[in-house]
Amino acid sequence: MRSILFGVVSMSIFATAAYADGIMTAAEVRQLAPGHYHVVAPGVTIEVDLGLGGKISVVTDKGEKDKGHWHLNGDRFCVKFNKLLDRKENCELLNRAGDQIKGNVLTATRR
């Protein structure tokens, strides 16, 4: 569940047709906030609200809710939650594929 939620949350997020497909740059990732995203990963779907100032909140289809903070480390999107993911920071590159954002195990679309 930990890797699924990270993938979901970290990628969870994002799509803007103004940029080309491929690995997203820090500038592209910044354009994702504020926004609401629907994330699908094996065994779970997650609704993600990505806010300005590094705020993030999630609700899973299993009713789990959490809040945390996000930031960029180079081009990597990093997230740390108050409860989920063992409260450890997780970072990953985001990849744009059409109107979707993809991670290791998830696909995210903007709502």
N, C-alpha and C. Protein backbone atom coordinates (compact mmCIF):
# COMPACT_ATOMS: atom_id res chain seq x y z
N MET A 1 0.83 -1.19 0.00
CA MET A 1 0.00 0.00 0.00
C MET A 1 0.87 1.25 0.00
N ARG A 2 2.01 1.20 0.67
CA ARG A 2 2.88 2.37 0.77
C ARG A 2 3.34 2.84 -0.60
N SER A 3 3.85 1.93 -1.43
CA SER A 3 4.34 2.34 -2.75
C SER A 3 3.20 2.77 -3.65
N ILE A 4 2.05 2.15 -3.50
CA ILE A 4 0.90 2.56 -4.30
C ILE A 4 0.50 3.97 -3.94
N LEU A 5 0.38 4.27 -2.66
CA LEU A 5 -0.02 5.62 -2.26
C LEU A 5 1.00 6.65 -2.68
N PHE A 6 2.29 6.33 -2.58
CA PHE A 6 3.29 7.30 -3.00
C PHE A 6 3.16 7.56 -4.49
N GLY A 7 3.08 6.50 -5.23
CA GLY A 7 2.94 6.66 -6.66
C GLY A 7 1.71 7.45 -6.98
N VAL A 8 0.65 7.14 -6.29
CA VAL A 8 -0.60 7.82 -6.54
C VAL A 8 -0.48 9.28 -6.18
N VAL A 9 0.03 9.53 -5.03
CA VAL A 9 0.09 10.91 -4.59
C VAL A 9 1.12 11.70 -5.38
N SER A 10 2.26 11.13 -5.56
CA SER A 10 3.30 11.90 -6.21
C SER A 10 2.96 12.20 -7.65
N MET A 11 2.33 11.29 -8.33
CA MET A 11 1.98 11.55 -9.70
C MET A 11 0.61 12.07 -9.78
N SER A 12 0.08 11.80 -8.76
CA SER A 12 -1.28 12.02 -8.64
C SER A 12 -1.66 13.23 -9.23
N ILE A 13 -1.16 13.68 -9.76
CA ILE A 13 -1.53 15.00 -9.83
C ILE A 13 -1.57 15.40 -11.19
N PHE A 14 -1.58 15.32 -12.22
CA PHE A 14 -1.31 16.45 -13.04
C PHE A 14 -1.40 16.29 -14.52
N ALA A 15 -1.87 17.31 -15.17
CA ALA A 15 -1.84 17.30 -16.62
C ALA A 15 -2.16 18.65 -17.20
N THR A 16 -1.33 19.08 -18.11
CA THR A 16 -1.54 20.33 -18.82
C THR A 16 -1.07 20.12 -20.25
N ALA A 17 -1.95 20.34 -21.21
CA ALA A 17 -1.63 20.05 -22.60
C ALA A 17 -0.59 21.00 -23.19
N ALA A 18 -0.23 22.06 -22.49
CA ALA A 18 0.70 23.05 -23.03
C ALA A 18 2.13 22.52 -23.13
N TYR A 19 2.43 21.43 -22.49
CA TYR A 19 3.79 20.90 -22.47
C TYR A 19 3.87 19.58 -23.23
N ALA A 20 5.05 19.27 -23.72
CA ALA A 20 5.26 18.04 -24.47
C ALA A 20 5.30 16.84 -23.55
N ASP A 21 5.04 15.67 -24.12
CA ASP A 21 5.14 14.42 -23.36
C ASP A 21 6.57 14.19 -22.91
N GLY A 22 6.72 13.45 -21.81
CA GLY A 22 8.04 13.10 -21.31
C GLY A 22 8.21 13.53 -19.86
N ILE A 23 9.42 13.40 -19.36
CA ILE A 23 9.73 13.76 -17.98
C ILE A 23 9.45 15.25 -17.78
N MET A 24 8.74 15.57 -16.71
CA MET A 24 8.36 16.95 -16.44
C MET A 24 9.49 17.69 -15.72
N THR A 25 9.67 18.94 -16.10
CA THR A 25 10.65 19.80 -15.44
C THR A 25 10.02 20.41 -14.19
N ALA A 26 10.84 20.99 -13.35
CA ALA A 26 10.34 21.67 -12.15
C ALA A 26 9.33 22.75 -12.52
N ALA A 27 9.59 23.50 -13.58
CA ALA A 27 8.66 24.55 -14.00
C ALA A 27 7.31 23.97 -14.39
N GLU A 28 7.30 22.84 -15.05
CA GLU A 28 6.05 22.19 -15.43
C GLU A 28 5.30 21.68 -14.21
N VAL A 29 6.03 21.10 -13.28
CA VAL A 29 5.39 20.57 -12.06
C VAL A 29 4.77 21.71 -11.25
N ARG A 30 5.44 22.85 -11.16
CA ARG A 30 4.89 24.00 -10.43
C ARG A 30 3.54 24.43 -10.99
N GLN A 31 3.34 24.26 -12.29
CA GLN A 31 2.09 24.65 -12.94
C GLN A 31 0.92 23.75 -12.54
N LEU A 32 1.17 22.68 -11.86
CA LEU A 32 0.12 21.76 -11.45
C LEU A 32 -0.70 22.28 -10.27
N ALA A 33 -0.14 23.20 -9.52
CA ALA A 33 -0.82 23.73 -8.34
C ALA A 33 -1.32 25.14 -8.63
N PRO A 34 -2.50 25.47 -8.15
CA PRO A 34 -3.41 24.58 -7.45
C PRO A 34 -4.16 23.68 -8.43
N GLY A 35 -4.59 22.54 -7.94
CA GLY A 35 -5.35 21.64 -8.79
C GLY A 35 -5.88 20.45 -8.01
N HIS A 36 -6.94 19.83 -8.61
CA HIS A 36 -7.55 18.63 -8.04
C HIS A 36 -7.30 17.50 -9.04
N TYR A 37 -6.84 16.35 -8.56
CA TYR A 37 -6.45 15.25 -9.42
C TYR A 37 -7.09 13.94 -8.98
N HIS A 38 -7.42 13.12 -9.97
CA HIS A 38 -7.94 11.77 -9.75
C HIS A 38 -6.82 10.81 -10.12
N VAL A 39 -6.43 9.98 -9.17
CA VAL A 39 -5.29 9.09 -9.36
C VAL A 39 -5.75 7.64 -9.27
N VAL A 40 -5.29 6.84 -10.22
CA VAL A 40 -5.62 5.41 -10.24
C VAL A 40 -4.32 4.62 -10.15
N ALA A 41 -4.30 3.68 -9.22
CA ALA A 41 -3.15 2.79 -9.03
C ALA A 41 -3.70 1.40 -8.73
N PRO A 42 -2.88 0.37 -8.81
CA PRO A 42 -3.38 -0.97 -8.51
C PRO A 42 -4.04 -1.06 -7.14
N GLY A 43 -5.32 -1.35 -7.11
CA GLY A 43 -6.04 -1.56 -5.86
C GLY A 43 -6.56 -0.33 -5.16
N VAL A 44 -6.34 0.87 -5.69
CA VAL A 44 -6.79 2.07 -4.99
C VAL A 44 -6.96 3.23 -5.97
N THR A 45 -7.93 4.09 -5.67
CA THR A 45 -8.03 5.37 -6.35
C THR A 45 -7.95 6.46 -5.29
N ILE A 46 -7.41 7.60 -5.66
CA ILE A 46 -7.18 8.67 -4.70
C ILE A 46 -7.56 10.00 -5.32
N GLU A 47 -8.23 10.82 -4.55
CA GLU A 47 -8.51 12.20 -4.94
C GLU A 47 -7.47 13.07 -4.24
N VAL A 48 -6.77 13.89 -5.00
CA VAL A 48 -5.68 14.70 -4.48
C VAL A 48 -5.94 16.16 -4.74
N ASP A 49 -5.81 16.98 -3.70
CA ASP A 49 -5.85 18.42 -3.84
C ASP A 49 -4.44 18.94 -3.62
N LEU A 50 -3.88 19.50 -4.67
CA LEU A 50 -2.53 20.05 -4.62
C LEU A 50 -2.65 21.56 -4.52
N GLY A 51 -2.19 22.12 -3.41
CA GLY A 51 -2.35 23.53 -3.15
C GLY A 51 -1.08 24.33 -3.33
N LEU A 52 -1.27 25.64 -3.36
CA LEU A 52 -0.14 26.55 -3.40
C LEU A 52 0.55 26.53 -2.04
N GLY A 53 1.77 26.96 -1.98
CA GLY A 53 2.49 27.00 -0.71
C GLY A 53 2.84 25.63 -0.18
N GLY A 54 2.79 24.61 -1.04
CA GLY A 54 3.21 23.28 -0.62
C GLY A 54 2.17 22.45 0.10
N LYS A 55 0.92 22.85 0.08
CA LYS A 55 -0.11 22.07 0.77
C LYS A 55 -0.64 20.96 -0.14
N ILE A 56 -0.92 19.80 0.46
CA ILE A 56 -1.52 18.69 -0.27
C ILE A 56 -2.44 17.94 0.67
N SER A 57 -3.59 17.48 0.13
CA SER A 57 -4.49 16.64 0.91
C SER A 57 -5.00 15.54 0.00
N VAL A 58 -5.26 14.38 0.60
CA VAL A 58 -5.71 13.22 -0.17
C VAL A 58 -6.86 12.51 0.54
N VAL A 59 -7.70 11.86 -0.27
CA VAL A 59 -8.75 10.97 0.23
C VAL A 59 -8.73 9.75 -0.67
N THR A 60 -8.58 8.57 -0.08
CA THR A 60 -8.57 7.34 -0.87
C THR A 60 -9.99 6.80 -0.99
N ASP A 61 -10.18 5.90 -1.93
CA ASP A 61 -11.49 5.25 -2.08
C ASP A 61 -11.82 4.36 -0.88
N LYS A 62 -10.86 4.13 -0.02
CA LYS A 62 -11.08 3.35 1.19
C LYS A 62 -11.38 4.25 2.39
N GLY A 63 -11.51 5.54 2.14
CA GLY A 63 -11.86 6.50 3.19
C GLY A 63 -10.70 7.06 3.98
N GLU A 64 -9.48 6.69 3.64
CA GLU A 64 -8.32 7.26 4.33
C GLU A 64 -8.14 8.71 3.90
N LYS A 65 -7.89 9.57 4.88
CA LYS A 65 -7.66 10.99 4.60
C LYS A 65 -6.35 11.40 5.25
N ASP A 66 -5.67 12.32 4.57
CA ASP A 66 -4.43 12.84 5.15
C ASP A 66 -4.09 14.16 4.50
N LYS A 67 -3.23 14.91 5.18
CA LYS A 67 -2.70 16.17 4.68
C LYS A 67 -1.20 16.12 4.83
N GLY A 68 -0.55 16.99 4.08
CA GLY A 68 0.91 17.04 4.17
C GLY A 68 1.44 18.21 3.38
N HIS A 69 2.70 18.09 2.99
CA HIS A 69 3.37 19.16 2.24
C HIS A 69 4.11 18.55 1.05
N TRP A 70 4.19 19.34 -0.01
CA TRP A 70 4.95 18.95 -1.18
C TRP A 70 5.96 20.05 -1.50
N HIS A 71 7.04 19.67 -2.16
CA HIS A 71 8.03 20.62 -2.65
C HIS A 71 8.79 19.96 -3.79
N LEU A 72 9.64 20.72 -4.42
CA LEU A 72 10.46 20.19 -5.50
C LEU A 72 11.91 20.06 -5.02
N ASN A 73 12.53 19.00 -5.45
CA ASN A 73 13.96 18.79 -5.24
C ASN A 73 14.54 18.60 -6.64
N GLY A 74 15.02 19.68 -7.22
CA GLY A 74 15.38 19.65 -8.64
C GLY A 74 14.10 19.51 -9.43
N ASP A 75 14.02 18.52 -10.31
CA ASP A 75 12.80 18.25 -11.06
C ASP A 75 11.91 17.22 -10.38
N ARG A 76 12.33 16.73 -9.24
CA ARG A 76 11.57 15.70 -8.53
C ARG A 76 10.48 16.31 -7.66
N PHE A 77 9.30 15.70 -7.72
CA PHE A 77 8.17 16.07 -6.88
C PHE A 77 8.29 15.29 -5.59
N CYS A 78 8.33 15.99 -4.46
CA CYS A 78 8.50 15.34 -3.15
C CYS A 78 7.27 15.61 -2.29
N VAL A 79 6.87 14.61 -1.53
CA VAL A 79 5.70 14.73 -0.67
C VAL A 79 5.98 14.06 0.68
N LYS A 80 5.42 14.66 1.72
CA LYS A 80 5.50 14.08 3.07
C LYS A 80 4.15 14.32 3.73
N PHE A 81 3.55 13.24 4.24
CA PHE A 81 2.23 13.32 4.86
C PHE A 81 2.30 13.24 6.37
N ASN A 82 1.23 13.64 7.02
CA ASN A 82 1.14 13.58 8.48
C ASN A 82 0.99 12.15 8.99
N LYS A 83 0.32 11.27 8.19
CA LYS A 83 0.10 9.88 8.60
C LYS A 83 0.57 8.88 7.56
N LEU A 84 0.21 9.08 6.32
CA LEU A 84 0.50 8.12 5.27
C LEU A 84 1.99 8.04 4.96
N LEU A 85 2.37 6.94 4.32
CA LEU A 85 3.75 6.72 3.89
C LEU A 85 4.74 6.78 5.05
N ASP A 86 4.27 6.35 6.21
CA ASP A 86 5.12 6.33 7.41
C ASP A 86 5.70 7.69 7.75
N ARG A 87 5.03 8.75 7.31
CA ARG A 87 5.47 10.13 7.56
C ARG A 87 6.86 10.42 7.02
N LYS A 88 7.28 9.64 6.03
CA LYS A 88 8.60 9.84 5.42
C LYS A 88 8.45 10.58 4.10
N GLU A 89 9.43 11.41 3.78
CA GLU A 89 9.42 12.11 2.50
C GLU A 89 9.72 11.14 1.36
N ASN A 90 8.95 11.27 0.30
CA ASN A 90 9.15 10.47 -0.90
C ASN A 90 9.22 11.40 -2.10
N CYS A 91 10.16 11.14 -3.00
CA CYS A 91 10.36 11.99 -4.19
C CYS A 91 10.40 11.12 -5.43
N GLU A 92 9.89 11.69 -6.55
CA GLU A 92 9.95 10.98 -7.81
C GLU A 92 9.76 11.93 -8.97
N LEU A 93 10.31 11.56 -10.11
CA LEU A 93 10.11 12.32 -11.33
C LEU A 93 8.71 12.04 -11.85
N LEU A 94 8.07 13.04 -12.43
CA LEU A 94 6.76 12.87 -13.02
C LEU A 94 6.90 12.83 -14.53
N ASN A 95 6.09 12.01 -15.18
CA ASN A 95 6.16 11.84 -16.61
C ASN A 95 4.81 12.18 -17.23
N ARG A 96 4.80 13.11 -18.18
CA ARG A 96 3.57 13.47 -18.87
C ARG A 96 3.36 12.53 -20.05
N ALA A 97 2.11 12.06 -20.20
CA ALA A 97 1.72 11.22 -21.33
C ALA A 97 0.35 11.70 -21.80
N GLY A 98 0.36 12.59 -22.78
CA GLY A 98 -0.90 13.18 -23.22
C GLY A 98 -1.48 14.05 -22.13
N ASP A 99 -2.74 13.80 -21.77
CA ASP A 99 -3.36 14.59 -20.71
C ASP A 99 -3.24 13.93 -19.35
N GLN A 100 -2.35 12.96 -19.23
CA GLN A 100 -2.16 12.25 -17.97
C GLN A 100 -0.74 12.43 -17.46
N ILE A 101 -0.63 12.23 -16.15
CA ILE A 101 0.67 12.20 -15.50
C ILE A 101 0.86 10.77 -15.03
N LYS A 102 2.04 10.22 -15.26
CA LYS A 102 2.29 8.84 -14.89
C LYS A 102 3.47 8.75 -13.96
N GLY A 103 3.37 7.79 -13.06
CA GLY A 103 4.45 7.49 -12.14
C GLY A 103 4.80 6.02 -12.24
N ASN A 104 5.43 5.52 -11.22
CA ASN A 104 5.85 4.12 -11.22
C ASN A 104 4.68 3.17 -11.36
N VAL A 105 3.59 3.43 -10.64
CA VAL A 105 2.44 2.51 -10.64
C VAL A 105 1.11 3.23 -10.80
N LEU A 106 1.10 4.49 -11.18
CA LEU A 106 -0.16 5.20 -11.20
C LEU A 106 -0.35 6.06 -12.42
N THR A 107 -1.60 6.44 -12.59
CA THR A 107 -1.97 7.38 -13.64
C THR A 107 -2.86 8.44 -13.01
N ALA A 108 -2.57 9.71 -13.27
CA ALA A 108 -3.32 10.81 -12.69
C ALA A 108 -3.89 11.71 -13.78
N THR A 109 -5.10 12.20 -13.55
CA THR A 109 -5.71 13.16 -14.46
C THR A 109 -6.27 14.33 -13.66
N ARG A 110 -6.20 15.50 -14.25
CA ARG A 110 -6.72 16.69 -13.59
C ARG A 110 -8.22 16.72 -13.69
N ARG A 111 -8.87 17.11 -12.60
CA ARG A 111 -10.33 17.22 -12.57
C ARG A 111 -10.74 18.65 -12.63
